[in-house]
Amino acid sequence: RVIQGDRSLEGLACGVDTDGALLVEIEGARRRVL
């Protein structure tokens, strides 16, 4: 669960990318969390 202020997202952690951004797969789409 990624909590950003009042937003909360759940997904599958997929490591980090070359910038160090957390990669989370949410509903089939991979998102960068910075």
Full PDB file with SEQRES, HELIX, SHEET, SSBOND, CRYST1, ORIGX, SCALE, CONECT and MASTER records, all heavy atoms in Angstrom:
SEQRES   1 A   34  ARG VAL ILE GLN GLY ASP ARG SER LEU GLU GLY LEU ALA          
SEQRES   2 A   34  CYS GLY VAL ASP THR ASP GLY ALA LEU LEU VAL GLU ILE          
SEQRES   3 A   34  GLU GLY ALA ARG ARG ARG VAL LEU                              
SHEET    1 AA1 2 VAL A   2  GLN A   4  0                                        
SHEET    2 AA1 2 ARG A   7  LEU A   9 -1                                        
SHEET    1 AA2 3 LEU A  12  VAL A  16  0                                        
SHEET    2 AA2 3 LEU A  22  ILE A  26 -1                                        
SHEET    3 AA2 3 ALA A  29  VAL A  33 -1                                        
CRYST1    1.000    1.000    1.000  90.00  90.00  90.00 P 1           1          
ORIGX1      1.000000  0.000000  0.000000        0.00000                         
ORIGX2      0.000000  1.000000  0.000000        0.00000                         
ORIGX3      0.000000  0.000000  1.000000        0.00000                         
SCALE1      1.000000  0.000000  0.000000        0.00000                         
SCALE2      0.000000  1.000000  0.000000        0.00000                         
SCALE3      0.000000  0.000000  1.000000        0.00000                         
ATOM      1  N   ARG A   1       0.875  -1.178   0.000  1.00  0.00           N  
ATOM      2  CA  ARG A   1       0.000   0.000   0.000  1.00  0.00           C  
ATOM      3  C   ARG A   1       0.907   1.221   0.000  1.00  0.00           C  
ATOM      4  O   ARG A   1       1.766   1.355   0.861  1.00  0.00           O  
ATOM      5  CB  ARG A   1      -0.888  -0.002   1.238  1.00  0.00           C  
ATOM      6  CG  ARG A   1      -1.814   1.204   1.319  1.00  0.00           C  
ATOM      7  CD  ARG A   1      -2.745   1.127   2.526  1.00  0.00           C  
ATOM      8  NE  ARG A   1      -3.584  -0.059   2.427  1.00  0.00           N  
ATOM      9  CZ  ARG A   1      -3.606  -1.049   3.339  1.00  0.00           C  
ATOM     10  NH1 ARG A   1      -2.837  -0.984   4.397  1.00  0.00           N  
ATOM     11  NH2 ARG A   1      -4.386  -2.082   3.179  1.00  0.00           N  
ATOM     12  N   VAL A   2       0.715   2.082  -0.964  1.00  0.00           N  
ATOM     13  CA  VAL A   2       1.487   3.312  -1.063  1.00  0.00           C  
ATOM     14  C   VAL A   2       0.575   4.444  -0.604  1.00  0.00           C  
ATOM     15  O   VAL A   2      -0.499   4.647  -1.168  1.00  0.00           O  
ATOM     16  CB  VAL A   2       1.977   3.571  -2.504  1.00  0.00           C  
ATOM     17  CG1 VAL A   2       2.745   4.880  -2.581  1.00  0.00           C  
ATOM     18  CG2 VAL A   2       2.832   2.412  -2.993  1.00  0.00           C  
ATOM     19  N   ILE A   3       1.016   5.169   0.420  1.00  0.00           N  
ATOM     20  CA  ILE A   3       0.213   6.255   0.962  1.00  0.00           C  
ATOM     21  C   ILE A   3       0.905   7.570   0.636  1.00  0.00           C  
ATOM     22  O   ILE A   3       2.055   7.778   1.008  1.00  0.00           O  
ATOM     23  CB  ILE A   3       0.053   6.100   2.483  1.00  0.00           C  
ATOM     24  CG1 ILE A   3      -0.592   4.749   2.796  1.00  0.00           C  
ATOM     25  CG2 ILE A   3      -0.762   7.239   3.061  1.00  0.00           C  
ATOM     26  CD1 ILE A   3      -0.488   4.352   4.249  1.00  0.00           C  
ATOM     27  N   GLN A   4       0.197   8.432  -0.084  1.00  0.00           N  
ATOM     28  CA  GLN A   4       0.721   9.745  -0.462  1.00  0.00           C  
ATOM     29  C   GLN A   4      -0.315  10.781  -0.046  1.00  0.00           C  
ATOM     30  O   GLN A   4      -1.297  10.988  -0.750  1.00  0.00           O  
ATOM     31  CB  GLN A   4       0.970   9.826  -1.959  1.00  0.00           C  
ATOM     32  CG  GLN A   4       2.041   8.865  -2.443  1.00  0.00           C  
ATOM     33  CD  GLN A   4       2.183   8.900  -3.945  1.00  0.00           C  
ATOM     34  OE1 GLN A   4       1.216   8.724  -4.661  1.00  0.00           O  
ATOM     35  NE2 GLN A   4       3.395   9.123  -4.413  1.00  0.00           N  
ATOM     36  N   GLY A   5      -0.089  11.394   1.111  1.00  0.00           N  
ATOM     37  CA  GLY A   5      -1.063  12.359   1.614  1.00  0.00           C  
ATOM     38  C   GLY A   5      -2.374  11.663   1.904  1.00  0.00           C  
ATOM     39  O   GLY A   5      -2.418  10.675   2.628  1.00  0.00           O  
ATOM     40  N   ASP A   6      -3.462  12.106   1.267  1.00  0.00           N  
ATOM     41  CA  ASP A   6      -4.766  11.488   1.491  1.00  0.00           C  
ATOM     42  C   ASP A   6      -5.095  10.419   0.458  1.00  0.00           C  
ATOM     43  O   ASP A   6      -6.164   9.830   0.482  1.00  0.00           O  
ATOM     44  CB  ASP A   6      -5.873  12.547   1.542  1.00  0.00           C  
ATOM     45  CG  ASP A   6      -5.987  13.349   0.254  1.00  0.00           C  
ATOM     46  OD1 ASP A   6      -5.118  13.204  -0.624  1.00  0.00           O  
ATOM     47  OD2 ASP A   6      -6.952  14.125   0.136  1.00  0.00           O  
ATOM     48  N   ARG A   7      -4.167  10.147  -0.466  1.00  0.00           N  
ATOM     49  CA  ARG A   7      -4.345   9.089  -1.475  1.00  0.00           C  
ATOM     50  C   ARG A   7      -3.695   7.799  -1.014  1.00  0.00           C  
ATOM     51  O   ARG A   7      -2.637   7.808  -0.406  1.00  0.00           O  
ATOM     52  CB  ARG A   7      -3.694   9.489  -2.796  1.00  0.00           C  
ATOM     53  CG  ARG A   7      -4.494  10.455  -3.597  1.00  0.00           C  
ATOM     54  CD  ARG A   7      -3.860  10.738  -4.946  1.00  0.00           C  
ATOM     55  NE  ARG A   7      -3.092   9.606  -5.462  1.00  0.00           N  
ATOM     56  CZ  ARG A   7      -2.211   9.704  -6.450  1.00  0.00           C  
ATOM     57  NH1 ARG A   7      -1.970  10.857  -7.004  1.00  0.00           N  
ATOM     58  NH2 ARG A   7      -1.560   8.645  -6.870  1.00  0.00           N  
ATOM     59  N   SER A   8      -4.313   6.687  -1.336  1.00  0.00           N  
ATOM     60  CA  SER A   8      -3.766   5.380  -1.008  1.00  0.00           C  
ATOM     61  C   SER A   8      -3.949   4.469  -2.218  1.00  0.00           C  
ATOM     62  O   SER A   8      -5.027   4.406  -2.793  1.00  0.00           O  
ATOM     63  CB  SER A   8      -4.492   4.798   0.205  1.00  0.00           C  
ATOM     64  OG  SER A   8      -4.000   3.520   0.497  1.00  0.00           O  
ATOM     65  N   LEU A   9      -2.868   3.807  -2.625  1.00  0.00           N  
ATOM     66  CA  LEU A   9      -2.897   2.897  -3.760  1.00  0.00           C  
ATOM     67  C   LEU A   9      -2.381   1.542  -3.318  1.00  0.00           C  
ATOM     68  O   LEU A   9      -1.450   1.459  -2.521  1.00  0.00           O  
ATOM     69  CB  LEU A   9      -2.013   3.421  -4.892  1.00  0.00           C  
ATOM     70  CG  LEU A   9      -2.269   4.832  -5.398  1.00  0.00           C  
ATOM     71  CD1 LEU A   9      -1.117   5.291  -6.272  1.00  0.00           C  
ATOM     72  CD2 LEU A   9      -3.571   4.872  -6.168  1.00  0.00           C  
ATOM     73  N   GLU A  10      -2.976   0.471  -3.825  1.00  0.00           N  
ATOM     74  CA  GLU A  10      -2.480  -0.870  -3.530  1.00  0.00           C  
ATOM     75  C   GLU A  10      -2.081  -1.543  -4.821  1.00  0.00           C  
ATOM     76  O   GLU A  10      -2.733  -1.370  -5.847  1.00  0.00           O  
ATOM     77  CB  GLU A  10      -3.539  -1.691  -2.799  1.00  0.00           C  
ATOM     78  CG  GLU A  10      -3.779  -1.199  -1.398  1.00  0.00           C  
ATOM     79  CD  GLU A  10      -4.690  -2.106  -0.593  1.00  0.00           C  
ATOM     80  OE1 GLU A  10      -5.021  -3.214  -1.072  1.00  0.00           O  
ATOM     81  OE2 GLU A  10      -5.069  -1.700   0.517  1.00  0.00           O  
ATOM     82  N   GLY A  11      -0.985  -2.297  -4.746  1.00  0.00           N  
ATOM     83  CA  GLY A  11      -0.521  -3.004  -5.919  1.00  0.00           C  
ATOM     84  C   GLY A  11       0.601  -3.950  -5.553  1.00  0.00           C  
ATOM     85  O   GLY A  11       0.817  -4.263  -4.381  1.00  0.00           O  
ATOM     86  N   LEU A  12       1.327  -4.384  -6.554  1.00  0.00           N  
ATOM     87  CA  LEU A  12       2.423  -5.332  -6.376  1.00  0.00           C  
ATOM     88  C   LEU A  12       3.745  -4.597  -6.556  1.00  0.00           C  
ATOM     89  O   LEU A  12       3.977  -3.959  -7.588  1.00  0.00           O  
ATOM     90  CB  LEU A  12       2.306  -6.448  -7.416  1.00  0.00           C  
ATOM     91  CG  LEU A  12       3.281  -7.600  -7.299  1.00  0.00           C  
ATOM     92  CD1 LEU A  12       2.994  -8.411  -6.032  1.00  0.00           C  
ATOM     93  CD2 LEU A  12       3.183  -8.494  -8.520  1.00  0.00           C  
ATOM     94  N   ALA A  13       4.611  -4.661  -5.555  1.00  0.00           N  
ATOM     95  CA  ALA A  13       5.925  -4.013  -5.643  1.00  0.00           C  
ATOM     96  C   ALA A  13       6.767  -4.734  -6.688  1.00  0.00           C  
ATOM     97  O   ALA A  13       6.844  -5.958  -6.703  1.00  0.00           O  
ATOM     98  CB  ALA A  13       6.620  -4.028  -4.289  1.00  0.00           C  
ATOM     99  N   CYS A  14       7.413  -3.951  -7.555  1.00  0.00           N  
ATOM    100  CA  CYS A  14       8.210  -4.507  -8.654  1.00  0.00           C  
ATOM    101  C   CYS A  14       9.630  -3.962  -8.648  1.00  0.00           C  
ATOM    102  O   CYS A  14      10.251  -3.811  -9.698  1.00  0.00           O  
ATOM    103  CB  CYS A  14       7.537  -4.194  -9.990  1.00  0.00           C  
ATOM    104  SG  CYS A  14       5.883  -4.854 -10.160  1.00  0.00           S  
ATOM    105  N   GLY A  15      10.158  -3.626  -7.468  1.00  0.00           N  
ATOM    106  CA  GLY A  15      11.523  -3.125  -7.379  1.00  0.00           C  
ATOM    107  C   GLY A  15      11.599  -1.633  -7.636  1.00  0.00           C  
ATOM    108  O   GLY A  15      10.624  -0.903  -7.463  1.00  0.00           O  
ATOM    109  N   VAL A  16      12.768  -1.189  -8.057  1.00  0.00           N  
ATOM    110  CA  VAL A  16      12.988   0.227  -8.368  1.00  0.00           C  
ATOM    111  C   VAL A  16      13.582   0.342  -9.765  1.00  0.00           C  
ATOM    112  O   VAL A  16      14.185  -0.598 -10.271  1.00  0.00           O  
ATOM    113  CB  VAL A  16      13.910   0.918  -7.331  1.00  0.00           C  
ATOM    114  CG1 VAL A  16      13.278   0.922  -5.952  1.00  0.00           C  
ATOM    115  CG2 VAL A  16      15.280   0.280  -7.289  1.00  0.00           C  
ATOM    116  N   ASP A  17      13.397   1.515 -10.376  1.00  0.00           N  
ATOM    117  CA  ASP A  17      13.958   1.716 -11.705  1.00  0.00           C  
ATOM    118  C   ASP A  17      15.337   2.362 -11.604  1.00  0.00           C  
ATOM    119  O   ASP A  17      15.890   2.517 -10.517  1.00  0.00           O  
ATOM    120  CB  ASP A  17      13.004   2.510 -12.603  1.00  0.00           C  
ATOM    121  CG  ASP A  17      12.812   3.953 -12.186  1.00  0.00           C  
ATOM    122  OD1 ASP A  17      13.528   4.438 -11.280  1.00  0.00           O  
ATOM    123  OD2 ASP A  17      11.938   4.612 -12.774  1.00  0.00           O  
ATOM    124  N   THR A  18      15.890   2.770 -12.736  1.00  0.00           N  
ATOM    125  CA  THR A  18      17.251   3.302 -12.757  1.00  0.00           C  
ATOM    126  C   THR A  18      17.378   4.651 -12.056  1.00  0.00           C  
ATOM    127  O   THR A  18      18.479   5.078 -11.740  1.00  0.00           O  
ATOM    128  CB  THR A  18      17.766   3.451 -14.205  1.00  0.00           C  
ATOM    129  OG1 THR A  18      16.855   4.278 -14.936  1.00  0.00           O  
ATOM    130  CG2 THR A  18      17.889   2.091 -14.874  1.00  0.00           C  
ATOM    131  N   ASP A  19      16.251   5.323 -11.806  1.00  0.00           N  
ATOM    132  CA  ASP A  19      16.263   6.579 -11.059  1.00  0.00           C  
ATOM    133  C   ASP A  19      16.027   6.360  -9.572  1.00  0.00           C  
ATOM    134  O   ASP A  19      16.035   7.309  -8.800  1.00  0.00           O  
ATOM    135  CB  ASP A  19      15.182   7.536 -11.578  1.00  0.00           C  
ATOM    136  CG  ASP A  19      15.448   8.001 -12.995  1.00  0.00           C  
ATOM    137  OD1 ASP A  19      16.629   8.131 -13.352  1.00  0.00           O  
ATOM    138  OD2 ASP A  19      14.480   8.225 -13.730  1.00  0.00           O  
ATOM    139  N   GLY A  20      15.740   5.120  -9.171  1.00  0.00           N  
ATOM    140  CA  GLY A  20      15.428   4.827  -7.780  1.00  0.00           C  
ATOM    141  C   GLY A  20      13.954   4.949  -7.457  1.00  0.00           C  
ATOM    142  O   GLY A  20      13.558   4.829  -6.300  1.00  0.00           O  
ATOM    143  N   ALA A  21      13.109   5.186  -8.470  1.00  0.00           N  
ATOM    144  CA  ALA A  21      11.668   5.272  -8.244  1.00  0.00           C  
ATOM    145  C   ALA A  21      11.124   3.884  -7.921  1.00  0.00           C  
ATOM    146  O   ALA A  21      11.508   2.901  -8.552  1.00  0.00           O  
ATOM    147  CB  ALA A  21      10.959   5.828  -9.475  1.00  0.00           C  
ATOM    148  N   LEU A  22      10.232   3.819  -6.950  1.00  0.00           N  
ATOM    149  CA  LEU A  22       9.553   2.573  -6.628  1.00  0.00           C  
ATOM    150  C   LEU A  22       8.620   2.217  -7.775  1.00  0.00           C  
ATOM    151  O   LEU A  22       7.881   3.064  -8.270  1.00  0.00           O  
ATOM    152  CB  LEU A  22       8.748   2.730  -5.336  1.00  0.00           C  
ATOM    153  CG  LEU A  22       7.878   1.548  -4.932  1.00  0.00           C  
ATOM    154  CD1 LEU A  22       8.741   0.339  -4.590  1.00  0.00           C  
ATOM    155  CD2 LEU A  22       6.994   1.938  -3.754  1.00  0.00           C  
ATOM    156  N   LEU A  23       8.669   0.976  -8.227  1.00  0.00           N  
ATOM    157  CA  LEU A  23       7.776   0.509  -9.281  1.00  0.00           C  
ATOM    158  C   LEU A  23       6.678  -0.325  -8.637  1.00  0.00           C  
ATOM    159  O   LEU A  23       6.958  -1.270  -7.895  1.00  0.00           O  
ATOM    160  CB  LEU A  23       8.547  -0.326 -10.301  1.00  0.00           C  
ATOM    161  CG  LEU A  23       9.672   0.396 -11.030  1.00  0.00           C  
ATOM    162  CD1 LEU A  23      10.464  -0.576 -11.897  1.00  0.00           C  
ATOM    163  CD2 LEU A  23       9.115   1.542 -11.870  1.00  0.00           C  
ATOM    164  N   VAL A  24       5.428   0.033  -8.907  1.00  0.00           N  
ATOM    165  CA  VAL A  24       4.285  -0.680  -8.348  1.00  0.00           C  
ATOM    166  C   VAL A  24       3.326  -0.993  -9.484  1.00  0.00           C  
ATOM    167  O   VAL A  24       2.943  -0.110 -10.250  1.00  0.00           O  
ATOM    168  CB  VAL A  24       3.560   0.158  -7.267  1.00  0.00           C  
ATOM    169  CG1 VAL A  24       2.370  -0.604  -6.703  1.00  0.00           C  
ATOM    170  CG2 VAL A  24       4.516   0.544  -6.153  1.00  0.00           C  
ATOM    171  N   GLU A  25       2.950  -2.269  -9.593  1.00  0.00           N  
ATOM    172  CA  GLU A  25       1.965  -2.663 -10.595  1.00  0.00           C  
ATOM    173  C   GLU A  25       0.582  -2.519  -9.975  1.00  0.00           C  
ATOM    174  O   GLU A  25       0.269  -3.160  -8.969  1.00  0.00           O  
ATOM    175  CB  GLU A  25       2.191  -4.106 -11.032  1.00  0.00           C  
ATOM    176  CG  GLU A  25       1.298  -4.509 -12.184  1.00  0.00           C  
ATOM    177  CD  GLU A  25       1.618  -5.898 -12.694  1.00  0.00           C  
ATOM    178  OE1 GLU A  25       2.797  -6.167 -12.975  1.00  0.00           O  
ATOM    179  OE2 GLU A  25       0.666  -6.694 -12.785  1.00  0.00           O  
ATOM    180  N   ILE A  26      -0.237  -1.649 -10.585  1.00  0.00           N  
ATOM    181  CA  ILE A  26      -1.577  -1.376 -10.090  1.00  0.00           C  
ATOM    182  C   ILE A  26      -2.549  -1.620 -11.234  1.00  0.00           C  
ATOM    183  O   ILE A  26      -2.452  -0.974 -12.289  1.00  0.00           O  
ATOM    184  CB  ILE A  26      -1.701   0.081  -9.571  1.00  0.00           C  
ATOM    185  CG1 ILE A  26      -0.695   0.304  -8.434  1.00  0.00           C  
ATOM    186  CG2 ILE A  26      -3.126   0.377  -9.121  1.00  0.00           C  
ATOM    187  CD1 ILE A  26      -0.553   1.740  -7.999  1.00  0.00           C  
ATOM    188  N   GLU A  27      -3.451  -2.578 -11.034  1.00  0.00           N  
ATOM    189  CA  GLU A  27      -4.449  -2.926 -12.046  1.00  0.00           C  
ATOM    190  C   GLU A  27      -3.812  -3.181 -13.406  1.00  0.00           C  
ATOM    191  O   GLU A  27      -4.264  -2.679 -14.428  1.00  0.00           O  
ATOM    192  CB  GLU A  27      -5.529  -1.843 -12.129  1.00  0.00           C  
ATOM    193  CG  GLU A  27      -6.307  -1.685 -10.839  1.00  0.00           C  
ATOM    194  CD  GLU A  27      -7.336  -0.561 -10.903  1.00  0.00           C  
ATOM    195  OE1 GLU A  27      -7.449   0.114 -11.950  1.00  0.00           O  
ATOM    196  OE2 GLU A  27      -8.011  -0.369  -9.885  1.00  0.00           O  
ATOM    197  N   GLY A  28      -2.717  -3.922 -13.419  1.00  0.00           N  
ATOM    198  CA  GLY A  28      -2.065  -4.315 -14.656  1.00  0.00           C  
ATOM    199  C   GLY A  28      -1.122  -3.296 -15.258  1.00  0.00           C  
ATOM    200  O   GLY A  28      -0.447  -3.587 -16.240  1.00  0.00           O  
ATOM    201  N   ALA A  29      -1.058  -2.101 -14.687  1.00  0.00           N  
ATOM    202  CA  ALA A  29      -0.157  -1.070 -15.215  1.00  0.00           C  
ATOM    203  C   ALA A  29       0.952  -0.794 -14.201  1.00  0.00           C  
ATOM    204  O   ALA A  29       0.698  -0.667 -13.008  1.00  0.00           O  
ATOM    205  CB  ALA A  29      -0.932   0.219 -15.495  1.00  0.00           C  
ATOM    206  N   ARG A  30       2.175  -0.722 -14.682  1.00  0.00           N  
ATOM    207  CA  ARG A  30       3.319  -0.428 -13.812  1.00  0.00           C  
ATOM    208  C   ARG A  30       3.454   1.077 -13.652  1.00  0.00           C  
ATOM    209  O   ARG A  30       3.503   1.811 -14.639  1.00  0.00           O  
ATOM    210  CB  ARG A  30       4.587  -1.018 -14.408  1.00  0.00           C  
ATOM    211  CG  ARG A  30       5.738  -1.022 -13.420  1.00  0.00           C  
ATOM    212  CD  ARG A  30       6.877  -1.835 -13.933  1.00  0.00           C  
ATOM    213  NE  ARG A  30       6.580  -3.246 -13.707  1.00  0.00           N  
ATOM    214  CZ  ARG A  30       7.485  -4.208 -13.749  1.00  0.00           C  
ATOM    215  NH1 ARG A  30       8.733  -3.920 -14.021  1.00  0.00           N  
ATOM    216  NH2 ARG A  30       7.158  -5.453 -13.539  1.00  0.00           N  
ATOM    217  N   ARG A  31       3.480   1.539 -12.394  1.00  0.00           N  
ATOM    218  CA  ARG A  31       3.587   2.969 -12.109  1.00  0.00           C  
ATOM    219  C   ARG A  31       4.862   3.253 -11.344  1.00  0.00           C  
ATOM    220  O   ARG A  31       5.286   2.464 -10.511  1.00  0.00           O  
ATOM    221  CB  ARG A  31       2.383   3.433 -11.280  1.00  0.00           C  
ATOM    222  CG  ARG A  31       1.092   3.290 -12.056  1.00  0.00           C  
ATOM    223  CD  ARG A  31      -0.093   3.777 -11.304  1.00  0.00           C  
ATOM    224  NE  ARG A  31       0.077   5.158 -10.873  1.00  0.00           N  
ATOM    225  CZ  ARG A  31      -0.844   5.836 -10.237  1.00  0.00           C  
ATOM    226  NH1 ARG A  31      -2.000   5.303  -9.957  1.00  0.00           N  
ATOM    227  NH2 ARG A  31      -0.633   7.081  -9.861  1.00  0.00           N  
ATOM    228  N   ARG A  32       5.454   4.410 -11.636  1.00  0.00           N  
ATOM    229  CA  ARG A  32       6.631   4.896 -10.907  1.00  0.00           C  
ATOM    230  C   ARG A  32       6.128   5.724  -9.742  1.00  0.00           C  
ATOM    231  O   ARG A  32       5.269   6.578  -9.916  1.00  0.00           O  
ATOM    232  CB  ARG A  32       7.494   5.783 -11.798  1.00  0.00           C  
ATOM    233  CG  ARG A  32       8.061   5.072 -12.989  1.00  0.00           C  
ATOM    234  CD  ARG A  32       8.834   6.028 -13.880  1.00  0.00           C  
ATOM    235  NE  ARG A  32      10.125   6.303 -13.256  1.00  0.00           N  
ATOM    236  CZ  ARG A  32      10.596   7.516 -13.002  1.00  0.00           C  
ATOM    237  NH1 ARG A  32       9.905   8.585 -13.304  1.00  0.00           N  
ATOM    238  NH2 ARG A  32      11.776   7.673 -12.428  1.00  0.00           N  
ATOM    239  N   VAL A  33       6.673   5.484  -8.570  1.00  0.00           N  
ATOM    240  CA  VAL A  33       6.281   6.251  -7.395  1.00  0.00           C  
ATOM    241  C   VAL A  33       7.476   7.079  -6.951  1.00  0.00           C  
ATOM    242  O   VAL A  33       8.477   6.552  -6.499  1.00  0.00           O  
ATOM    243  CB  VAL A  33       5.798   5.327  -6.251  1.00  0.00           C  
ATOM    244  CG1 VAL A  33       5.437   6.142  -5.032  1.00  0.00           C  
ATOM    245  CG2 VAL A  33       4.623   4.477  -6.716  1.00  0.00           C  
ATOM    246  N   LEU A  34       7.365   8.388  -7.138  1.00  0.00           N  
ATOM    247  CA  LEU A  34       8.379   9.351  -6.706  1.00  0.00           C  
ATOM    248  C   LEU A  34       7.655  10.412  -5.896  1.00  0.00           C  
ATOM    249  O   LEU A  34       6.744  11.057  -6.414  1.00  0.00           O  
ATOM    250  CB  LEU A  34       9.050  10.031  -7.902  1.00  0.00           C  
ATOM    251  CG  LEU A  34      10.130   9.255  -8.619  1.00  0.00           C  
ATOM    252  CD1 LEU A  34      10.562   9.986  -9.881  1.00  0.00           C  
ATOM    253  CD2 LEU A  34      11.333   9.046  -7.720  1.00  0.00           C  
TER     254      LEU A  34                                                      
MASTER        0    0    0    0    5    0    0    6  253    1    0    3          
END                                                                             
